[in-house]
Amino acid sequence: VGKILKKDDIVIYESTVYPGATEE
């Protein structure tokens, strides 16, 4: 996703992770 990410795009994660994983 990062390779094709553009300004103002939104990436939404649904996968189960530990608290903080998305941002860390």
PDBML (XML) file of the C-alpha atoms, coordinates in Angstrom:
<?xml version="1.0" encoding="UTF-8" ?>
<PDBx:datablock datablockName="MODEL"
   xmlns:PDBx="http://pdbml.pdb.org/schema/pdbx-v50.xsd"
   xmlns:xsi="http://www.w3.org/2001/XMLSchema-instance"
   xsi:schemaLocation="http://pdbml.pdb.org/schema/pdbx-v50.xsd pdbx-v50.xsd">
   <PDBx:atom_siteCategory>
      <PDBx:atom_site id="1">
         <PDBx:B_iso_or_equiv>0.00</PDBx:B_iso_or_equiv>
         <PDBx:Cartn_x>0.000</PDBx:Cartn_x>
         <PDBx:Cartn_y>0.000</PDBx:Cartn_y>
         <PDBx:Cartn_z>0.000</PDBx:Cartn_z>
         <PDBx:auth_asym_id>A</PDBx:auth_asym_id>
         <PDBx:auth_atom_id>CA</PDBx:auth_atom_id>
         <PDBx:auth_comp_id>VAL</PDBx:auth_comp_id>
         <PDBx:auth_seq_id>1</PDBx:auth_seq_id>
         <PDBx:group_PDB>ATOM</PDBx:group_PDB>
         <PDBx:label_alt_id xsi:nil="true" />
         <PDBx:label_asym_id>A</PDBx:label_asym_id>
         <PDBx:label_atom_id>CA</PDBx:label_atom_id>
         <PDBx:label_comp_id>VAL</PDBx:label_comp_id>
         <PDBx:label_entity_id>1</PDBx:label_entity_id>
         <PDBx:label_seq_id>1</PDBx:label_seq_id>
         <PDBx:occupancy>1.00</PDBx:occupancy>
         <PDBx:pdbx_PDB_model_num>1</PDBx:pdbx_PDB_model_num>
         <PDBx:type_symbol>C</PDBx:type_symbol>
      </PDBx:atom_site>
      <PDBx:atom_site id="2">
         <PDBx:B_iso_or_equiv>0.00</PDBx:B_iso_or_equiv>
         <PDBx:Cartn_x>2.839</PDBx:Cartn_x>
         <PDBx:Cartn_y>2.371</PDBx:Cartn_y>
         <PDBx:Cartn_z>0.876</PDBx:Cartn_z>
         <PDBx:auth_asym_id>A</PDBx:auth_asym_id>
         <PDBx:auth_atom_id>CA</PDBx:auth_atom_id>
         <PDBx:auth_comp_id>GLY</PDBx:auth_comp_id>
         <PDBx:auth_seq_id>2</PDBx:auth_seq_id>
         <PDBx:group_PDB>ATOM</PDBx:group_PDB>
         <PDBx:label_alt_id xsi:nil="true" />
         <PDBx:label_asym_id>A</PDBx:label_asym_id>
         <PDBx:label_atom_id>CA</PDBx:label_atom_id>
         <PDBx:label_comp_id>GLY</PDBx:label_comp_id>
         <PDBx:label_entity_id>1</PDBx:label_entity_id>
         <PDBx:label_seq_id>2</PDBx:label_seq_id>
         <PDBx:occupancy>1.00</PDBx:occupancy>
         <PDBx:pdbx_PDB_model_num>1</PDBx:pdbx_PDB_model_num>
         <PDBx:type_symbol>C</PDBx:type_symbol>
      </PDBx:atom_site>
      <PDBx:atom_site id="3">
         <PDBx:B_iso_or_equiv>0.00</PDBx:B_iso_or_equiv>
         <PDBx:Cartn_x>4.276</PDBx:Cartn_x>
         <PDBx:Cartn_y>2.066</PDBx:Cartn_y>
         <PDBx:Cartn_z>-2.652</PDBx:Cartn_z>
         <PDBx:auth_asym_id>A</PDBx:auth_asym_id>
         <PDBx:auth_atom_id>CA</PDBx:auth_atom_id>
         <PDBx:auth_comp_id>LYS</PDBx:auth_comp_id>
         <PDBx:auth_seq_id>3</PDBx:auth_seq_id>
         <PDBx:group_PDB>ATOM</PDBx:group_PDB>
         <PDBx:label_alt_id xsi:nil="true" />
         <PDBx:label_asym_id>A</PDBx:label_asym_id>
         <PDBx:label_atom_id>CA</PDBx:label_atom_id>
         <PDBx:label_comp_id>LYS</PDBx:label_comp_id>
         <PDBx:label_entity_id>1</PDBx:label_entity_id>
         <PDBx:label_seq_id>3</PDBx:label_seq_id>
         <PDBx:occupancy>1.00</PDBx:occupancy>
         <PDBx:pdbx_PDB_model_num>1</PDBx:pdbx_PDB_model_num>
         <PDBx:type_symbol>C</PDBx:type_symbol>
      </PDBx:atom_site>
      <PDBx:atom_site id="4">
         <PDBx:B_iso_or_equiv>0.00</PDBx:B_iso_or_equiv>
         <PDBx:Cartn_x>1.094</PDBx:Cartn_x>
         <PDBx:Cartn_y>3.501</PDBx:Cartn_y>
         <PDBx:Cartn_z>-4.164</PDBx:Cartn_z>
         <PDBx:auth_asym_id>A</PDBx:auth_asym_id>
         <PDBx:auth_atom_id>CA</PDBx:auth_atom_id>
         <PDBx:auth_comp_id>ILE</PDBx:auth_comp_id>
         <PDBx:auth_seq_id>4</PDBx:auth_seq_id>
         <PDBx:group_PDB>ATOM</PDBx:group_PDB>
         <PDBx:label_alt_id xsi:nil="true" />
         <PDBx:label_asym_id>A</PDBx:label_asym_id>
         <PDBx:label_atom_id>CA</PDBx:label_atom_id>
         <PDBx:label_comp_id>ILE</PDBx:label_comp_id>
         <PDBx:label_entity_id>1</PDBx:label_entity_id>
         <PDBx:label_seq_id>4</PDBx:label_seq_id>
         <PDBx:occupancy>1.00</PDBx:occupancy>
         <PDBx:pdbx_PDB_model_num>1</PDBx:pdbx_PDB_model_num>
         <PDBx:type_symbol>C</PDBx:type_symbol>
      </PDBx:atom_site>
      <PDBx:atom_site id="5">
         <PDBx:B_iso_or_equiv>0.00</PDBx:B_iso_or_equiv>
         <PDBx:Cartn_x>-0.011</PDBx:Cartn_x>
         <PDBx:Cartn_y>5.776</PDBx:Cartn_y>
         <PDBx:Cartn_z>-1.300</PDBx:Cartn_z>
         <PDBx:auth_asym_id>A</PDBx:auth_asym_id>
         <PDBx:auth_atom_id>CA</PDBx:auth_atom_id>
         <PDBx:auth_comp_id>LEU</PDBx:auth_comp_id>
         <PDBx:auth_seq_id>5</PDBx:auth_seq_id>
         <PDBx:group_PDB>ATOM</PDBx:group_PDB>
         <PDBx:label_alt_id xsi:nil="true" />
         <PDBx:label_asym_id>A</PDBx:label_asym_id>
         <PDBx:label_atom_id>CA</PDBx:label_atom_id>
         <PDBx:label_comp_id>LEU</PDBx:label_comp_id>
         <PDBx:label_entity_id>1</PDBx:label_entity_id>
         <PDBx:label_seq_id>5</PDBx:label_seq_id>
         <PDBx:occupancy>1.00</PDBx:occupancy>
         <PDBx:pdbx_PDB_model_num>1</PDBx:pdbx_PDB_model_num>
         <PDBx:type_symbol>C</PDBx:type_symbol>
      </PDBx:atom_site>
      <PDBx:atom_site id="6">
         <PDBx:B_iso_or_equiv>0.00</PDBx:B_iso_or_equiv>
         <PDBx:Cartn_x>-0.942</PDBx:Cartn_x>
         <PDBx:Cartn_y>9.346</PDBx:Cartn_y>
         <PDBx:Cartn_z>-2.285</PDBx:Cartn_z>
         <PDBx:auth_asym_id>A</PDBx:auth_asym_id>
         <PDBx:auth_atom_id>CA</PDBx:auth_atom_id>
         <PDBx:auth_comp_id>LYS</PDBx:auth_comp_id>
         <PDBx:auth_seq_id>6</PDBx:auth_seq_id>
         <PDBx:group_PDB>ATOM</PDBx:group_PDB>
         <PDBx:label_alt_id xsi:nil="true" />
         <PDBx:label_asym_id>A</PDBx:label_asym_id>
         <PDBx:label_atom_id>CA</PDBx:label_atom_id>
         <PDBx:label_comp_id>LYS</PDBx:label_comp_id>
         <PDBx:label_entity_id>1</PDBx:label_entity_id>
         <PDBx:label_seq_id>6</PDBx:label_seq_id>
         <PDBx:occupancy>1.00</PDBx:occupancy>
         <PDBx:pdbx_PDB_model_num>1</PDBx:pdbx_PDB_model_num>
         <PDBx:type_symbol>C</PDBx:type_symbol>
      </PDBx:atom_site>
      <PDBx:atom_site id="7">
         <PDBx:B_iso_or_equiv>0.00</PDBx:B_iso_or_equiv>
         <PDBx:Cartn_x>-1.670</PDBx:Cartn_x>
         <PDBx:Cartn_y>12.575</PDBx:Cartn_y>
         <PDBx:Cartn_z>-0.478</PDBx:Cartn_z>
         <PDBx:auth_asym_id>A</PDBx:auth_asym_id>
         <PDBx:auth_atom_id>CA</PDBx:auth_atom_id>
         <PDBx:auth_comp_id>LYS</PDBx:auth_comp_id>
         <PDBx:auth_seq_id>7</PDBx:auth_seq_id>
         <PDBx:group_PDB>ATOM</PDBx:group_PDB>
         <PDBx:label_alt_id xsi:nil="true" />
         <PDBx:label_asym_id>A</PDBx:label_asym_id>
         <PDBx:label_atom_id>CA</PDBx:label_atom_id>
         <PDBx:label_comp_id>LYS</PDBx:label_comp_id>
         <PDBx:label_entity_id>1</PDBx:label_entity_id>
         <PDBx:label_seq_id>7</PDBx:label_seq_id>
         <PDBx:occupancy>1.00</PDBx:occupancy>
         <PDBx:pdbx_PDB_model_num>1</PDBx:pdbx_PDB_model_num>
         <PDBx:type_symbol>C</PDBx:type_symbol>
      </PDBx:atom_site>
      <PDBx:atom_site id="8">
         <PDBx:B_iso_or_equiv>0.00</PDBx:B_iso_or_equiv>
         <PDBx:Cartn_x>-4.944</PDBx:Cartn_x>
         <PDBx:Cartn_y>12.515</PDBx:Cartn_y>
         <PDBx:Cartn_z>1.506</PDBx:Cartn_z>
         <PDBx:auth_asym_id>A</PDBx:auth_asym_id>
         <PDBx:auth_atom_id>CA</PDBx:auth_atom_id>
         <PDBx:auth_comp_id>ASP</PDBx:auth_comp_id>
         <PDBx:auth_seq_id>8</PDBx:auth_seq_id>
         <PDBx:group_PDB>ATOM</PDBx:group_PDB>
         <PDBx:label_alt_id xsi:nil="true" />
         <PDBx:label_asym_id>A</PDBx:label_asym_id>
         <PDBx:label_atom_id>CA</PDBx:label_atom_id>
         <PDBx:label_comp_id>ASP</PDBx:label_comp_id>
         <PDBx:label_entity_id>1</PDBx:label_entity_id>
         <PDBx:label_seq_id>8</PDBx:label_seq_id>
         <PDBx:occupancy>1.00</PDBx:occupancy>
         <PDBx:pdbx_PDB_model_num>1</PDBx:pdbx_PDB_model_num>
         <PDBx:type_symbol>C</PDBx:type_symbol>
      </PDBx:atom_site>
      <PDBx:atom_site id="9">
         <PDBx:B_iso_or_equiv>0.00</PDBx:B_iso_or_equiv>
         <PDBx:Cartn_x>-5.357</PDBx:Cartn_x>
         <PDBx:Cartn_y>8.735</PDBx:Cartn_y>
         <PDBx:Cartn_z>1.160</PDBx:Cartn_z>
         <PDBx:auth_asym_id>A</PDBx:auth_asym_id>
         <PDBx:auth_atom_id>CA</PDBx:auth_atom_id>
         <PDBx:auth_comp_id>ASP</PDBx:auth_comp_id>
         <PDBx:auth_seq_id>9</PDBx:auth_seq_id>
         <PDBx:group_PDB>ATOM</PDBx:group_PDB>
         <PDBx:label_alt_id xsi:nil="true" />
         <PDBx:label_asym_id>A</PDBx:label_asym_id>
         <PDBx:label_atom_id>CA</PDBx:label_atom_id>
         <PDBx:label_comp_id>ASP</PDBx:label_comp_id>
         <PDBx:label_entity_id>1</PDBx:label_entity_id>
         <PDBx:label_seq_id>9</PDBx:label_seq_id>
         <PDBx:occupancy>1.00</PDBx:occupancy>
         <PDBx:pdbx_PDB_model_num>1</PDBx:pdbx_PDB_model_num>
         <PDBx:type_symbol>C</PDBx:type_symbol>
      </PDBx:atom_site>
      <PDBx:atom_site id="10">
         <PDBx:B_iso_or_equiv>0.00</PDBx:B_iso_or_equiv>
         <PDBx:Cartn_x>-6.757</PDBx:Cartn_x>
         <PDBx:Cartn_y>6.752</PDBx:Cartn_y>
         <PDBx:Cartn_z>4.093</PDBx:Cartn_z>
         <PDBx:auth_asym_id>A</PDBx:auth_asym_id>
         <PDBx:auth_atom_id>CA</PDBx:auth_atom_id>
         <PDBx:auth_comp_id>ILE</PDBx:auth_comp_id>
         <PDBx:auth_seq_id>10</PDBx:auth_seq_id>
         <PDBx:group_PDB>ATOM</PDBx:group_PDB>
         <PDBx:label_alt_id xsi:nil="true" />
         <PDBx:label_asym_id>A</PDBx:label_asym_id>
         <PDBx:label_atom_id>CA</PDBx:label_atom_id>
         <PDBx:label_comp_id>ILE</PDBx:label_comp_id>
         <PDBx:label_entity_id>1</PDBx:label_entity_id>
         <PDBx:label_seq_id>10</PDBx:label_seq_id>
         <PDBx:occupancy>1.00</PDBx:occupancy>
         <PDBx:pdbx_PDB_model_num>1</PDBx:pdbx_PDB_model_num>
         <PDBx:type_symbol>C</PDBx:type_symbol>
      </PDBx:atom_site>
      <PDBx:atom_site id="11">
         <PDBx:B_iso_or_equiv>0.00</PDBx:B_iso_or_equiv>
         <PDBx:Cartn_x>-5.528</PDBx:Cartn_x>
         <PDBx:Cartn_y>3.290</PDBx:Cartn_y>
         <PDBx:Cartn_z>5.128</PDBx:Cartn_z>
         <PDBx:auth_asym_id>A</PDBx:auth_asym_id>
         <PDBx:auth_atom_id>CA</PDBx:auth_atom_id>
         <PDBx:auth_comp_id>VAL</PDBx:auth_comp_id>
         <PDBx:auth_seq_id>11</PDBx:auth_seq_id>
         <PDBx:group_PDB>ATOM</PDBx:group_PDB>
         <PDBx:label_alt_id xsi:nil="true" />
         <PDBx:label_asym_id>A</PDBx:label_asym_id>
         <PDBx:label_atom_id>CA</PDBx:label_atom_id>
         <PDBx:label_comp_id>VAL</PDBx:label_comp_id>
         <PDBx:label_entity_id>1</PDBx:label_entity_id>
         <PDBx:label_seq_id>11</PDBx:label_seq_id>
         <PDBx:occupancy>1.00</PDBx:occupancy>
         <PDBx:pdbx_PDB_model_num>1</PDBx:pdbx_PDB_model_num>
         <PDBx:type_symbol>C</PDBx:type_symbol>
      </PDBx:atom_site>
      <PDBx:atom_site id="12">
         <PDBx:B_iso_or_equiv>0.00</PDBx:B_iso_or_equiv>
         <PDBx:Cartn_x>-7.946</PDBx:Cartn_x>
         <PDBx:Cartn_y>1.349</PDBx:Cartn_y>
         <PDBx:Cartn_z>7.334</PDBx:Cartn_z>
         <PDBx:auth_asym_id>A</PDBx:auth_asym_id>
         <PDBx:auth_atom_id>CA</PDBx:auth_atom_id>
         <PDBx:auth_comp_id>ILE</PDBx:auth_comp_id>
         <PDBx:auth_seq_id>12</PDBx:auth_seq_id>
         <PDBx:group_PDB>ATOM</PDBx:group_PDB>
         <PDBx:label_alt_id xsi:nil="true" />
         <PDBx:label_asym_id>A</PDBx:label_asym_id>
         <PDBx:label_atom_id>CA</PDBx:label_atom_id>
         <PDBx:label_comp_id>ILE</PDBx:label_comp_id>
         <PDBx:label_entity_id>1</PDBx:label_entity_id>
         <PDBx:label_seq_id>12</PDBx:label_seq_id>
         <PDBx:occupancy>1.00</PDBx:occupancy>
         <PDBx:pdbx_PDB_model_num>1</PDBx:pdbx_PDB_model_num>
         <PDBx:type_symbol>C</PDBx:type_symbol>
      </PDBx:atom_site>
      <PDBx:atom_site id="13">
         <PDBx:B_iso_or_equiv>0.00</PDBx:B_iso_or_equiv>
         <PDBx:Cartn_x>-6.793</PDBx:Cartn_x>
         <PDBx:Cartn_y>-1.814</PDBx:Cartn_y>
         <PDBx:Cartn_z>9.091</PDBx:Cartn_z>
         <PDBx:auth_asym_id>A</PDBx:auth_asym_id>
         <PDBx:auth_atom_id>CA</PDBx:auth_atom_id>
         <PDBx:auth_comp_id>TYR</PDBx:auth_comp_id>
         <PDBx:auth_seq_id>13</PDBx:auth_seq_id>
         <PDBx:group_PDB>ATOM</PDBx:group_PDB>
         <PDBx:label_alt_id xsi:nil="true" />
         <PDBx:label_asym_id>A</PDBx:label_asym_id>
         <PDBx:label_atom_id>CA</PDBx:label_atom_id>
         <PDBx:label_comp_id>TYR</PDBx:label_comp_id>
         <PDBx:label_entity_id>1</PDBx:label_entity_id>
         <PDBx:label_seq_id>13</PDBx:label_seq_id>
         <PDBx:occupancy>1.00</PDBx:occupancy>
         <PDBx:pdbx_PDB_model_num>1</PDBx:pdbx_PDB_model_num>
         <PDBx:type_symbol>C</PDBx:type_symbol>
      </PDBx:atom_site>
      <PDBx:atom_site id="14">
         <PDBx:B_iso_or_equiv>0.00</PDBx:B_iso_or_equiv>
         <PDBx:Cartn_x>-9.173</PDBx:Cartn_x>
         <PDBx:Cartn_y>-4.593</PDBx:Cartn_y>
         <PDBx:Cartn_z>10.135</PDBx:Cartn_z>
         <PDBx:auth_asym_id>A</PDBx:auth_asym_id>
         <PDBx:auth_atom_id>CA</PDBx:auth_atom_id>
         <PDBx:auth_comp_id>GLU</PDBx:auth_comp_id>
         <PDBx:auth_seq_id>14</PDBx:auth_seq_id>
         <PDBx:group_PDB>ATOM</PDBx:group_PDB>
         <PDBx:label_alt_id xsi:nil="true" />
         <PDBx:label_asym_id>A</PDBx:label_asym_id>
         <PDBx:label_atom_id>CA</PDBx:label_atom_id>
         <PDBx:label_comp_id>GLU</PDBx:label_comp_id>
         <PDBx:label_entity_id>1</PDBx:label_entity_id>
         <PDBx:label_seq_id>14</PDBx:label_seq_id>
         <PDBx:occupancy>1.00</PDBx:occupancy>
         <PDBx:pdbx_PDB_model_num>1</PDBx:pdbx_PDB_model_num>
         <PDBx:type_symbol>C</PDBx:type_symbol>
      </PDBx:atom_site>
      <PDBx:atom_site id="15">
         <PDBx:B_iso_or_equiv>0.00</PDBx:B_iso_or_equiv>
         <PDBx:Cartn_x>-6.666</PDBx:Cartn_x>
         <PDBx:Cartn_y>-7.253</PDBx:Cartn_y>
         <PDBx:Cartn_z>11.182</PDBx:Cartn_z>
         <PDBx:auth_asym_id>A</PDBx:auth_asym_id>
         <PDBx:auth_atom_id>CA</PDBx:auth_atom_id>
         <PDBx:auth_comp_id>SER</PDBx:auth_comp_id>
         <PDBx:auth_seq_id>15</PDBx:auth_seq_id>
         <PDBx:group_PDB>ATOM</PDBx:group_PDB>
         <PDBx:label_alt_id xsi:nil="true" />
         <PDBx:label_asym_id>A</PDBx:label_asym_id>
         <PDBx:label_atom_id>CA</PDBx:label_atom_id>
         <PDBx:label_comp_id>SER</PDBx:label_comp_id>
         <PDBx:label_entity_id>1</PDBx:label_entity_id>
         <PDBx:label_seq_id>15</PDBx:label_seq_id>
         <PDBx:occupancy>1.00</PDBx:occupancy>
         <PDBx:pdbx_PDB_model_num>1</PDBx:pdbx_PDB_model_num>
         <PDBx:type_symbol>C</PDBx:type_symbol>
      </PDBx:atom_site>
      <PDBx:atom_site id="16">
         <PDBx:B_iso_or_equiv>0.00</PDBx:B_iso_or_equiv>
         <PDBx:Cartn_x>-6.528</PDBx:Cartn_x>
         <PDBx:Cartn_y>-8.240</PDBx:Cartn_y>
         <PDBx:Cartn_z>14.856</PDBx:Cartn_z>
         <PDBx:auth_asym_id>A</PDBx:auth_asym_id>
         <PDBx:auth_atom_id>CA</PDBx:auth_atom_id>
         <PDBx:auth_comp_id>THR</PDBx:auth_comp_id>
         <PDBx:auth_seq_id>16</PDBx:auth_seq_id>
         <PDBx:group_PDB>ATOM</PDBx:group_PDB>
         <PDBx:label_alt_id xsi:nil="true" />
         <PDBx:label_asym_id>A</PDBx:label_asym_id>
         <PDBx:label_atom_id>CA</PDBx:label_atom_id>
         <PDBx:label_comp_id>THR</PDBx:label_comp_id>
         <PDBx:label_entity_id>1</PDBx:label_entity_id>
         <PDBx:label_seq_id>16</PDBx:label_seq_id>
         <PDBx:occupancy>1.00</PDBx:occupancy>
         <PDBx:pdbx_PDB_model_num>1</PDBx:pdbx_PDB_model_num>
         <PDBx:type_symbol>C</PDBx:type_symbol>
      </PDBx:atom_site>
      <PDBx:atom_site id="17">
         <PDBx:B_iso_or_equiv>0.00</PDBx:B_iso_or_equiv>
         <PDBx:Cartn_x>-3.408</PDBx:Cartn_x>
         <PDBx:Cartn_y>-6.782</PDBx:Cartn_y>
         <PDBx:Cartn_z>16.486</PDBx:Cartn_z>
         <PDBx:auth_asym_id>A</PDBx:auth_asym_id>
         <PDBx:auth_atom_id>CA</PDBx:auth_atom_id>
         <PDBx:auth_comp_id>VAL</PDBx:auth_comp_id>
         <PDBx:auth_seq_id>17</PDBx:auth_seq_id>
         <PDBx:group_PDB>ATOM</PDBx:group_PDB>
         <PDBx:label_alt_id xsi:nil="true" />
         <PDBx:label_asym_id>A</PDBx:label_asym_id>
         <PDBx:label_atom_id>CA</PDBx:label_atom_id>
         <PDBx:label_comp_id>VAL</PDBx:label_comp_id>
         <PDBx:label_entity_id>1</PDBx:label_entity_id>
         <PDBx:label_seq_id>17</PDBx:label_seq_id>
         <PDBx:occupancy>1.00</PDBx:occupancy>
         <PDBx:pdbx_PDB_model_num>1</PDBx:pdbx_PDB_model_num>
         <PDBx:type_symbol>C</PDBx:type_symbol>
      </PDBx:atom_site>
      <PDBx:atom_site id="18">
         <PDBx:B_iso_or_equiv>0.00</PDBx:B_iso_or_equiv>
         <PDBx:Cartn_x>-2.135</PDBx:Cartn_x>
         <PDBx:Cartn_y>-5.773</PDBx:Cartn_y>
         <PDBx:Cartn_z>19.896</PDBx:Cartn_z>
         <PDBx:auth_asym_id>A</PDBx:auth_asym_id>
         <PDBx:auth_atom_id>CA</PDBx:auth_atom_id>
         <PDBx:auth_comp_id>TYR</PDBx:auth_comp_id>
         <PDBx:auth_seq_id>18</PDBx:auth_seq_id>
         <PDBx:group_PDB>ATOM</PDBx:group_PDB>
         <PDBx:label_alt_id xsi:nil="true" />
         <PDBx:label_asym_id>A</PDBx:label_asym_id>
         <PDBx:label_atom_id>CA</PDBx:label_atom_id>
         <PDBx:label_comp_id>TYR</PDBx:label_comp_id>
         <PDBx:label_entity_id>1</PDBx:label_entity_id>
         <PDBx:label_seq_id>18</PDBx:label_seq_id>
         <PDBx:occupancy>1.00</PDBx:occupancy>
         <PDBx:pdbx_PDB_model_num>1</PDBx:pdbx_PDB_model_num>
         <PDBx:type_symbol>C</PDBx:type_symbol>
      </PDBx:atom_site>
      <PDBx:atom_site id="19">
         <PDBx:B_iso_or_equiv>0.00</PDBx:B_iso_or_equiv>
         <PDBx:Cartn_x>-2.914</PDBx:Cartn_x>
         <PDBx:Cartn_y>-2.213</PDBx:Cartn_y>
         <PDBx:Cartn_z>21.055</PDBx:Cartn_z>
         <PDBx:auth_asym_id>A</PDBx:auth_asym_id>
         <PDBx:auth_atom_id>CA</PDBx:auth_atom_id>
         <PDBx:auth_comp_id>PRO</PDBx:auth_comp_id>
         <PDBx:auth_seq_id>19</PDBx:auth_seq_id>
         <PDBx:group_PDB>ATOM</PDBx:group_PDB>
         <PDBx:label_alt_id xsi:nil="true" />
         <PDBx:label_asym_id>A</PDBx:label_asym_id>
         <PDBx:label_atom_id>CA</PDBx:label_atom_id>
         <PDBx:label_comp_id>PRO</PDBx:label_comp_id>
         <PDBx:label_entity_id>1</PDBx:label_entity_id>
         <PDBx:label_seq_id>19</PDBx:label_seq_id>
         <PDBx:occupancy>1.00</PDBx:occupancy>
         <PDBx:pdbx_PDB_model_num>1</PDBx:pdbx_PDB_model_num>
         <PDBx:type_symbol>C</PDBx:type_symbol>
      </PDBx:atom_site>
      <PDBx:atom_site id="20">
         <PDBx:B_iso_or_equiv>0.00</PDBx:B_iso_or_equiv>
         <PDBx:Cartn_x>-0.581</PDBx:Cartn_x>
         <PDBx:Cartn_y>0.212</PDBx:Cartn_y>
         <PDBx:Cartn_z>19.337</PDBx:Cartn_z>
         <PDBx:auth_asym_id>A</PDBx:auth_asym_id>
         <PDBx:auth_atom_id>CA</PDBx:auth_atom_id>
         <PDBx:auth_comp_id>GLY</PDBx:auth_comp_id>
         <PDBx:auth_seq_id>20</PDBx:auth_seq_id>
         <PDBx:group_PDB>ATOM</PDBx:group_PDB>
         <PDBx:label_alt_id xsi:nil="true" />
         <PDBx:label_asym_id>A</PDBx:label_asym_id>
         <PDBx:label_atom_id>CA</PDBx:label_atom_id>
         <PDBx:label_comp_id>GLY</PDBx:label_comp_id>
         <PDBx:label_entity_id>1</PDBx:label_entity_id>
         <PDBx:label_seq_id>20</PDBx:label_seq_id>
         <PDBx:occupancy>1.00</PDBx:occupancy>
         <PDBx:pdbx_PDB_model_num>1</PDBx:pdbx_PDB_model_num>
         <PDBx:type_symbol>C</PDBx:type_symbol>
      </PDBx:atom_site>
      <PDBx:atom_site id="21">
         <PDBx:B_iso_or_equiv>0.00</PDBx:B_iso_or_equiv>
         <PDBx:Cartn_x>0.389</PDBx:Cartn_x>
         <PDBx:Cartn_y>-2.014</PDBx:Cartn_y>
         <PDBx:Cartn_z>16.388</PDBx:Cartn_z>
         <PDBx:auth_asym_id>A</PDBx:auth_asym_id>
         <PDBx:auth_atom_id>CA</PDBx:auth_atom_id>
         <PDBx:auth_comp_id>ALA</PDBx:auth_comp_id>
         <PDBx:auth_seq_id>21</PDBx:auth_seq_id>
         <PDBx:group_PDB>ATOM</PDBx:group_PDB>
         <PDBx:label_alt_id xsi:nil="true" />
         <PDBx:label_asym_id>A</PDBx:label_asym_id>
         <PDBx:label_atom_id>CA</PDBx:label_atom_id>
         <PDBx:label_comp_id>ALA</PDBx:label_comp_id>
         <PDBx:label_entity_id>1</PDBx:label_entity_id>
         <PDBx:label_seq_id>21</PDBx:label_seq_id>
         <PDBx:occupancy>1.00</PDBx:occupancy>
         <PDBx:pdbx_PDB_model_num>1</PDBx:pdbx_PDB_model_num>
         <PDBx:type_symbol>C</PDBx:type_symbol>
      </PDBx:atom_site>
      <PDBx:atom_site id="22">
         <PDBx:B_iso_or_equiv>0.00</PDBx:B_iso_or_equiv>
         <PDBx:Cartn_x>-1.236</PDBx:Cartn_x>
         <PDBx:Cartn_y>0.154</PDBx:Cartn_y>
         <PDBx:Cartn_z>13.703</PDBx:Cartn_z>
         <PDBx:auth_asym_id>A</PDBx:auth_asym_id>
         <PDBx:auth_atom_id>CA</PDBx:auth_atom_id>
         <PDBx:auth_comp_id>THR</PDBx:auth_comp_id>
         <PDBx:auth_seq_id>22</PDBx:auth_seq_id>
         <PDBx:group_PDB>ATOM</PDBx:group_PDB>
         <PDBx:label_alt_id xsi:nil="true" />
         <PDBx:label_asym_id>A</PDBx:label_asym_id>
         <PDBx:label_atom_id>CA</PDBx:label_atom_id>
         <PDBx:label_comp_id>THR</PDBx:label_comp_id>
         <PDBx:label_entity_id>1</PDBx:label_entity_id>
         <PDBx:label_seq_id>22</PDBx:label_seq_id>
         <PDBx:occupancy>1.00</PDBx:occupancy>
         <PDBx:pdbx_PDB_model_num>1</PDBx:pdbx_PDB_model_num>
         <PDBx:type_symbol>C</PDBx:type_symbol>
      </PDBx:atom_site>
      <PDBx:atom_site id="23">
         <PDBx:B_iso_or_equiv>0.00</PDBx:B_iso_or_equiv>
         <PDBx:Cartn_x>0.679</PDBx:Cartn_x>
         <PDBx:Cartn_y>3.279</PDBx:Cartn_y>
         <PDBx:Cartn_z>14.689</PDBx:Cartn_z>
         <PDBx:auth_asym_id>A</PDBx:auth_asym_id>
         <PDBx:auth_atom_id>CA</PDBx:auth_atom_id>
         <PDBx:auth_comp_id>GLU</PDBx:auth_comp_id>
         <PDBx:auth_seq_id>23</PDBx:auth_seq_id>
         <PDBx:group_PDB>ATOM</PDBx:group_PDB>
         <PDBx:label_alt_id xsi:nil="true" />
         <PDBx:label_asym_id>A</PDBx:label_asym_id>
         <PDBx:label_atom_id>CA</PDBx:label_atom_id>
         <PDBx:label_comp_id>GLU</PDBx:label_comp_id>
         <PDBx:label_entity_id>1</PDBx:label_entity_id>
         <PDBx:label_seq_id>23</PDBx:label_seq_id>
         <PDBx:occupancy>1.00</PDBx:occupancy>
         <PDBx:pdbx_PDB_model_num>1</PDBx:pdbx_PDB_model_num>
         <PDBx:type_symbol>C</PDBx:type_symbol>
      </PDBx:atom_site>
      <PDBx:atom_site id="24">
         <PDBx:B_iso_or_equiv>0.00</PDBx:B_iso_or_equiv>
         <PDBx:Cartn_x>3.866</PDBx:Cartn_x>
         <PDBx:Cartn_y>1.552</PDBx:Cartn_y>
         <PDBx:Cartn_z>15.887</PDBx:Cartn_z>
         <PDBx:auth_asym_id>A</PDBx:auth_asym_id>
         <PDBx:auth_atom_id>CA</PDBx:auth_atom_id>
         <PDBx:auth_comp_id>GLU</PDBx:auth_comp_id>
         <PDBx:auth_seq_id>24</PDBx:auth_seq_id>
         <PDBx:group_PDB>ATOM</PDBx:group_PDB>
         <PDBx:label_alt_id xsi:nil="true" />
         <PDBx:label_asym_id>A</PDBx:label_asym_id>
         <PDBx:label_atom_id>CA</PDBx:label_atom_id>
         <PDBx:label_comp_id>GLU</PDBx:label_comp_id>
         <PDBx:label_entity_id>1</PDBx:label_entity_id>
         <PDBx:label_seq_id>24</PDBx:label_seq_id>
         <PDBx:occupancy>1.00</PDBx:occupancy>
         <PDBx:pdbx_PDB_model_num>1</PDBx:pdbx_PDB_model_num>
         <PDBx:type_symbol>C</PDBx:type_symbol>
      </PDBx:atom_site>
   </PDBx:atom_siteCategory>
</PDBx:datablock>
